[in-house]
Amino acid sequence: QAGSSLAQLAGLSHAGTRAMRYVVSFAAERDPAQRALRLLTQAPGVRFKVDVDPAWSDRDLRDLERLDCVEILDWKGRGSPRLLSAARQVFPQVLFEDPPAAISGPVSWDQSLRTGDDVARACARGEAINVKAPRMGGVLAALGALEHARTSGVVAYVGGMFEVGPGRLQARCLAALPA
């Protein structure tokens, strides 16, 4: 193993060929723009994955959009058709993770991805995936999902499942392997 990287040992010969981005995730808040603004003050230029609050108004969406900092809106399968439609108009290029209904525009899946077959179906539809090693069955299964997404040409990202401290570092390391 001397002189080999973890990526090479995992069989990922293409590792290190693509840039990796890190986004900050935060839970649903009544005023998401205020939360994002506070975080942007601390770290200018940071990008976000924001959990959607089904109680948001059109104004909440517009205020958040004005900050131009959202990569992903995580619906967690909830929200009204009206809010979903309004959000798609305000955020046409943002990934909508686990939307409550079928929509046009960029979509990503998280909660429904448990097996390689789930990943293959999402990739075949050209949809992005949020890979979580614990949900997928471990690190090797997660790496397989990331590789499938890469060869399919779809967006893939690694998320955490309540990790703090070492768990977040492990998720970032996993995300960096196929990058």
C-alpha atoms as a PDB file:
ATOM      1  CA  GLN A   1       0.000   0.000   0.000  1.00  0.00           C
ATOM      2  CA  ALA A   2       3.005   2.275   0.324  1.00  0.00           C
ATOM      3  CA  GLY A   3       2.838   5.098  -2.173  1.00  0.00           C
ATOM      4  CA  SER A   4      -0.850   4.472  -2.905  1.00  0.00           C
ATOM      5  CA  SER A   5      -3.691   6.830  -2.145  1.00  0.00           C
ATOM      6  CA  LEU A   6      -7.005   5.753  -0.677  1.00  0.00           C
ATOM      7  CA  ALA A   7      -8.617   6.563  -4.017  1.00  0.00           C
ATOM      8  CA  GLN A   8      -6.212   4.219  -5.828  1.00  0.00           C
ATOM      9  CA  LEU A   9      -6.793   1.455  -3.287  1.00  0.00           C
ATOM     10  CA  ALA A  10     -10.546   1.873  -3.850  1.00  0.00           C
ATOM     11  CA  GLY A  11      -9.973   1.431  -7.592  1.00  0.00           C
ATOM     12  CA  LEU A  12     -10.710   5.045  -8.517  1.00  0.00           C
ATOM     13  CA  SER A  13      -7.957   5.785 -11.016  1.00  0.00           C
ATOM     14  CA  HIS A  14      -9.638   9.027 -12.100  1.00  0.00           C
ATOM     15  CA  ALA A  15      -9.483  10.523  -8.602  1.00  0.00           C
ATOM     16  CA  GLY A  16      -8.231  14.058  -8.394  1.00  0.00           C
ATOM     17  CA  THR A  17      -9.444  15.025 -11.868  1.00  0.00           C
ATOM     18  CA  ARG A  18     -12.470  17.128 -10.895  1.00  0.00           C
ATOM     19  CA  ALA A  19     -13.040  20.006  -8.532  1.00  0.00           C
ATOM     20  CA  MET A  20     -15.040  19.416  -5.383  1.00  0.00           C
ATOM     21  CA  ARG A  21     -17.320  22.023  -3.825  1.00  0.00           C
ATOM     22  CA  TYR A  22     -18.457  22.149  -0.234  1.00  0.00           C
ATOM     23  CA  VAL A  23     -21.840  23.600   0.686  1.00  0.00           C
ATOM     24  CA  VAL A  24     -23.167  24.427   4.118  1.00  0.00           C
ATOM     25  CA  SER A  25     -26.451  22.803   5.030  1.00  0.00           C
ATOM     26  CA  PHE A  26     -28.974  24.253   7.410  1.00  0.00           C
ATOM     27  CA  ALA A  27     -32.341  23.095   8.685  1.00  0.00           C
ATOM     28  CA  ALA A  28     -35.660  24.716   7.847  1.00  0.00           C
ATOM     29  CA  GLU A  29     -35.969  28.145   9.388  1.00  0.00           C
ATOM     30  CA  ARG A  30     -38.783  30.634   9.400  1.00  0.00           C
ATOM     31  CA  ASP A  31     -36.490  33.284   7.866  1.00  0.00           C
ATOM     32  CA  PRO A  32     -33.935  31.455   5.727  1.00  0.00           C
ATOM     33  CA  ALA A  33     -32.517  34.626   4.187  1.00  0.00           C
ATOM     34  CA  GLN A  34     -31.571  35.979   7.615  1.00  0.00           C
ATOM     35  CA  ARG A  35     -29.785  32.738   8.487  1.00  0.00           C
ATOM     36  CA  ALA A  36     -27.978  32.681   5.147  1.00  0.00           C
ATOM     37  CA  LEU A  37     -26.989  36.336   5.524  1.00  0.00           C
ATOM     38  CA  ARG A  38     -25.493  35.687   8.975  1.00  0.00           C
ATOM     39  CA  LEU A  39     -23.479  32.789   7.595  1.00  0.00           C
ATOM     40  CA  LEU A  40     -22.409  34.782   4.524  1.00  0.00           C
ATOM     41  CA  THR A  41     -21.116  37.515   6.822  1.00  0.00           C
ATOM     42  CA  GLN A  42     -18.877  34.939   8.506  1.00  0.00           C
ATOM     43  CA  ALA A  43     -17.817  33.231   5.269  1.00  0.00           C
ATOM     44  CA  PRO A  44     -18.405  35.346   2.143  1.00  0.00           C
ATOM     45  CA  GLY A  45     -19.085  33.309  -0.975  1.00  0.00           C
ATOM     46  CA  VAL A  46     -20.279  30.180   0.831  1.00  0.00           C
ATOM     47  CA  ARG A  47     -23.024  28.180  -0.917  1.00  0.00           C
ATOM     48  CA  PHE A  48     -25.971  26.475   0.811  1.00  0.00           C
ATOM     49  CA  LYS A  49     -28.216  23.447   0.901  1.00  0.00           C
ATOM     50  CA  VAL A  50     -31.355  24.697   2.629  1.00  0.00           C
ATOM     51  CA  ASP A  51     -34.160  22.610   4.102  1.00  0.00           C
ATOM     52  CA  VAL A  52     -37.500  24.016   2.957  1.00  0.00           C
ATOM     53  CA  ASP A  53     -40.072  25.139   5.508  1.00  0.00           C
ATOM     54  CA  PRO A  54     -43.551  24.411   4.065  1.00  0.00           C
ATOM     55  CA  ALA A  55     -44.742  27.651   5.697  1.00  0.00           C
ATOM     56  CA  TRP A  56     -42.467  29.864   3.556  1.00  0.00           C
ATOM     57  CA  SER A  57     -44.103  32.651   1.598  1.00  0.00           C
ATOM     58  CA  ASP A  58     -43.214  33.894  -1.857  1.00  0.00           C
ATOM     59  CA  ARG A  59     -41.385  36.739  -0.123  1.00  0.00           C
ATOM     60  CA  ASP A  60     -39.236  34.267   1.841  1.00  0.00           C
ATOM     61  CA  LEU A  61     -38.250  32.625  -1.446  1.00  0.00           C
ATOM     62  CA  ARG A  62     -37.415  35.939  -3.139  1.00  0.00           C
ATOM     63  CA  ASP A  63     -35.403  37.180  -0.129  1.00  0.00           C
ATOM     64  CA  LEU A  64     -33.335  33.996  -0.170  1.00  0.00           C
ATOM     65  CA  GLU A  65     -32.874  34.136  -3.945  1.00  0.00           C
ATOM     66  CA  ARG A  66     -31.560  37.722  -3.799  1.00  0.00           C
ATOM     67  CA  LEU A  67     -28.561  36.460  -1.839  1.00  0.00           C
ATOM     68  CA  ASP A  68     -27.585  34.211  -4.790  1.00  0.00           C
ATOM     69  CA  CYS A  69     -26.163  31.537  -2.513  1.00  0.00           C
ATOM     70  CA  VAL A  70     -28.447  28.479  -2.813  1.00  0.00           C
ATOM     71  CA  GLU A  71     -27.288  25.282  -4.540  1.00  0.00           C
ATOM     72  CA  ILE A  72     -29.959  22.890  -3.233  1.00  0.00           C
ATOM     73  CA  LEU A  73     -33.420  23.208  -1.724  1.00  0.00           C
ATOM     74  CA  ASP A  74     -34.201  20.083   0.306  1.00  0.00           C
ATOM     75  CA  TRP A  75     -37.951  19.458   0.372  1.00  0.00           C
ATOM     76  CA  LYS A  76     -37.797  16.237   2.400  1.00  0.00           C
ATOM     77  CA  GLY A  77     -40.903  15.150   0.485  1.00  0.00           C
ATOM     78  CA  ARG A  78     -43.080  17.893   1.963  1.00  0.00           C
ATOM     79  CA  GLY A  79     -44.587  21.172   0.811  1.00  0.00           C
ATOM     80  CA  SER A  80     -47.610  22.327  -1.147  1.00  0.00           C
ATOM     81  CA  PRO A  81     -47.877  22.282  -4.929  1.00  0.00           C
ATOM     82  CA  ARG A  82     -48.232  26.087  -4.778  1.00  0.00           C
ATOM     83  CA  LEU A  83     -44.952  26.523  -2.868  1.00  0.00           C
ATOM     84  CA  LEU A  84     -43.185  24.029  -5.134  1.00  0.00           C
ATOM     85  CA  SER A  85     -44.313  25.919  -8.237  1.00  0.00           C
ATOM     86  CA  ALA A  86     -43.389  29.309  -6.760  1.00  0.00           C
ATOM     87  CA  ALA A  87     -39.964  28.031  -5.724  1.00  0.00           C
ATOM     88  CA  ARG A  88     -39.259  26.624  -9.204  1.00  0.00           C
ATOM     89  CA  GLN A  89     -40.041  30.039 -10.715  1.00  0.00           C
ATOM     90  CA  VAL A  90     -37.705  31.790  -8.259  1.00  0.00           C
ATOM     91  CA  PHE A  91     -34.974  29.120  -8.377  1.00  0.00           C
ATOM     92  CA  PRO A  92     -35.051  27.628 -11.908  1.00  0.00           C
ATOM     93  CA  GLN A  93     -31.477  26.270 -11.794  1.00  0.00           C
ATOM     94  CA  VAL A  94     -31.333  25.100  -8.170  1.00  0.00           C
ATOM     95  CA  LEU A  95     -31.459  21.367  -7.418  1.00  0.00           C
ATOM     96  CA  PHE A  96     -34.713  20.383  -5.721  1.00  0.00           C
ATOM     97  CA  GLU A  97     -33.913  17.448  -3.455  1.00  0.00           C
ATOM     98  CA  ASP A  98     -36.748  15.035  -2.637  1.00  0.00           C
ATOM     99  CA  PRO A  99     -39.538  17.274  -3.966  1.00  0.00           C
ATOM    100  CA  PRO A 100     -43.086  16.363  -2.862  1.00  0.00           C
ATOM    101  CA  ALA A 101     -44.289  15.964  -6.463  1.00  0.00           C
ATOM    102  CA  ALA A 102     -42.986  15.537  -9.992  1.00  0.00           C
ATOM    103  CA  ILE A 103     -41.556  18.784 -11.329  1.00  0.00           C
ATOM    104  CA  SER A 104     -39.560  20.064 -14.246  1.00  0.00           C
ATOM    105  CA  GLY A 105     -36.061  21.341 -13.707  1.00  0.00           C
ATOM    106  CA  PRO A 106     -33.094  19.902 -11.864  1.00  0.00           C
ATOM    107  CA  VAL A 107     -34.063  17.255  -9.308  1.00  0.00           C
ATOM    108  CA  SER A 108     -32.014  15.318  -6.803  1.00  0.00           C
ATOM    109  CA  TRP A 109     -32.800  12.257  -4.708  1.00  0.00           C
ATOM    110  CA  ASP A 110     -31.716  11.380  -1.205  1.00  0.00           C
ATOM    111  CA  GLN A 111     -34.230   9.556   0.978  1.00  0.00           C
ATOM    112  CA  SER A 112     -35.173   7.018  -1.706  1.00  0.00           C
ATOM    113  CA  LEU A 113     -31.577   5.982  -2.475  1.00  0.00           C
ATOM    114  CA  ARG A 114     -30.818   2.794  -0.590  1.00  0.00           C
ATOM    115  CA  THR A 115     -29.451   0.404  -3.207  1.00  0.00           C
ATOM    116  CA  GLY A 116     -27.418   0.397  -6.387  1.00  0.00           C
ATOM    117  CA  ASP A 117     -30.648  -0.170  -8.334  1.00  0.00           C
ATOM    118  CA  ASP A 118     -32.123   3.020  -6.840  1.00  0.00           C
ATOM    119  CA  VAL A 119     -29.026   4.916  -7.958  1.00  0.00           C
ATOM    120  CA  ALA A 120     -29.156   3.373 -11.438  1.00  0.00           C
ATOM    121  CA  ARG A 121     -32.806   4.416 -11.889  1.00  0.00           C
ATOM    122  CA  ALA A 122     -32.121   8.016 -10.838  1.00  0.00           C
ATOM    123  CA  CYS A 123     -29.039   8.208 -13.064  1.00  0.00           C
ATOM    124  CA  ALA A 124     -30.953   6.751 -16.027  1.00  0.00           C
ATOM    125  CA  ARG A 125     -33.443   9.624 -15.660  1.00  0.00           C
ATOM    126  CA  GLY A 126     -30.555  12.127 -15.521  1.00  0.00           C
ATOM    127  CA  GLU A 127     -31.352  13.090 -11.943  1.00  0.00           C
ATOM    128  CA  ALA A 128     -28.761  14.053  -9.349  1.00  0.00           C
ATOM    129  CA  ILE A 129     -28.091  11.920  -6.288  1.00  0.00           C
ATOM    130  CA  ASN A 130     -27.174  12.623  -2.670  1.00  0.00           C
ATOM    131  CA  VAL A 131     -25.124   9.651  -1.528  1.00  0.00           C
ATOM    132  CA  LYS A 132     -25.067   8.765   2.157  1.00  0.00           C
ATOM    133  CA  ALA A 133     -22.786   5.898   3.082  1.00  0.00           C
ATOM    134  CA  PRO A 134     -24.859   4.693   6.077  1.00  0.00           C
ATOM    135  CA  ARG A 135     -28.041   4.559   4.000  1.00  0.00           C
ATOM    136  CA  MET A 136     -26.311   2.935   1.015  1.00  0.00           C
ATOM    137  CA  GLY A 137     -24.819   0.118   3.098  1.00  0.00           C
ATOM    138  CA  GLY A 138     -21.332   1.445   3.731  1.00  0.00           C
ATOM    139  CA  VAL A 139     -18.391   3.191   2.151  1.00  0.00           C
ATOM    140  CA  LEU A 140     -17.867   0.748  -0.721  1.00  0.00           C
ATOM    141  CA  ALA A 141     -21.526   0.917  -1.749  1.00  0.00           C
ATOM    142  CA  ALA A 142     -21.368   4.713  -1.596  1.00  0.00           C
ATOM    143  CA  LEU A 143     -18.228   4.746  -3.752  1.00  0.00           C
ATOM    144  CA  GLY A 144     -20.000   2.481  -6.229  1.00  0.00           C
ATOM    145  CA  ALA A 145     -22.934   4.904  -6.359  1.00  0.00           C
ATOM    146  CA  LEU A 146     -20.601   7.851  -6.918  1.00  0.00           C
ATOM    147  CA  GLU A 147     -18.808   5.979  -9.693  1.00  0.00           C
ATOM    148  CA  HIS A 148     -22.126   5.086 -11.350  1.00  0.00           C
ATOM    149  CA  ALA A 149     -23.147   8.745 -11.265  1.00  0.00           C
ATOM    150  CA  ARG A 150     -19.788   9.802 -12.716  1.00  0.00           C
ATOM    151  CA  THR A 151     -20.001   7.377 -15.625  1.00  0.00           C
ATOM    152  CA  SER A 152     -23.642   8.379 -16.193  1.00  0.00           C
ATOM    153  CA  GLY A 153     -22.709  12.053 -16.285  1.00  0.00           C
ATOM    154  CA  VAL A 154     -25.069  13.096 -13.493  1.00  0.00           C
ATOM    155  CA  VAL A 155     -24.435  15.313 -10.499  1.00  0.00           C
ATOM    156  CA  ALA A 156     -23.607  13.439  -7.304  1.00  0.00           C
ATOM    157  CA  TYR A 157     -22.851  14.751  -3.863  1.00  0.00           C
ATOM    158  CA  VAL A 158     -22.194  13.259  -0.462  1.00  0.00           C
ATOM    159  CA  GLY A 159     -24.400  14.163   2.455  1.00  0.00           C
ATOM    160  CA  GLY A 160     -24.276  13.374   6.100  1.00  0.00           C
ATOM    161  CA  MET A 161     -26.776  11.688   8.368  1.00  0.00           C
ATOM    162  CA  PHE A 162     -26.654  13.607  11.644  1.00  0.00           C
ATOM    163  CA  GLU A 163     -22.852  13.459  11.722  1.00  0.00           C
ATOM    164  CA  VAL A 164     -20.858  15.870  13.791  1.00  0.00           C
ATOM    165  CA  GLY A 165     -17.130  16.113  14.327  1.00  0.00           C
ATOM    166  CA  PRO A 166     -15.381  13.033  12.907  1.00  0.00           C
ATOM    167  CA  GLY A 167     -18.478  11.971  10.941  1.00  0.00           C
ATOM    168  CA  ARG A 168     -18.493  15.212   8.946  1.00  0.00           C
ATOM    169  CA  LEU A 169     -14.795  14.831   8.209  1.00  0.00           C
ATOM    170  CA  GLN A 170     -15.381  11.244   7.049  1.00  0.00           C
ATOM    171  CA  ALA A 171     -18.205  12.376   4.726  1.00  0.00           C
ATOM    172  CA  ARG A 172     -15.940  15.060   3.226  1.00  0.00           C
ATOM    173  CA  CYS A 173     -13.162  12.530   2.706  1.00  0.00           C
ATOM    174  CA  LEU A 174     -15.578  10.141   1.028  1.00  0.00           C
ATOM    175  CA  ALA A 175     -16.800  12.942  -1.232  1.00  0.00           C
ATOM    176  CA  ALA A 176     -13.222  13.807  -2.196  1.00  0.00           C
ATOM    177  CA  LEU A 177     -12.273  10.296  -3.290  1.00  0.00           C
ATOM    178  CA  PRO A 178     -13.918  10.309  -6.720  1.00  0.00           C
ATOM    179  CA  ALA A 179     -13.432  14.055  -7.261  1.00  0.00           C
END
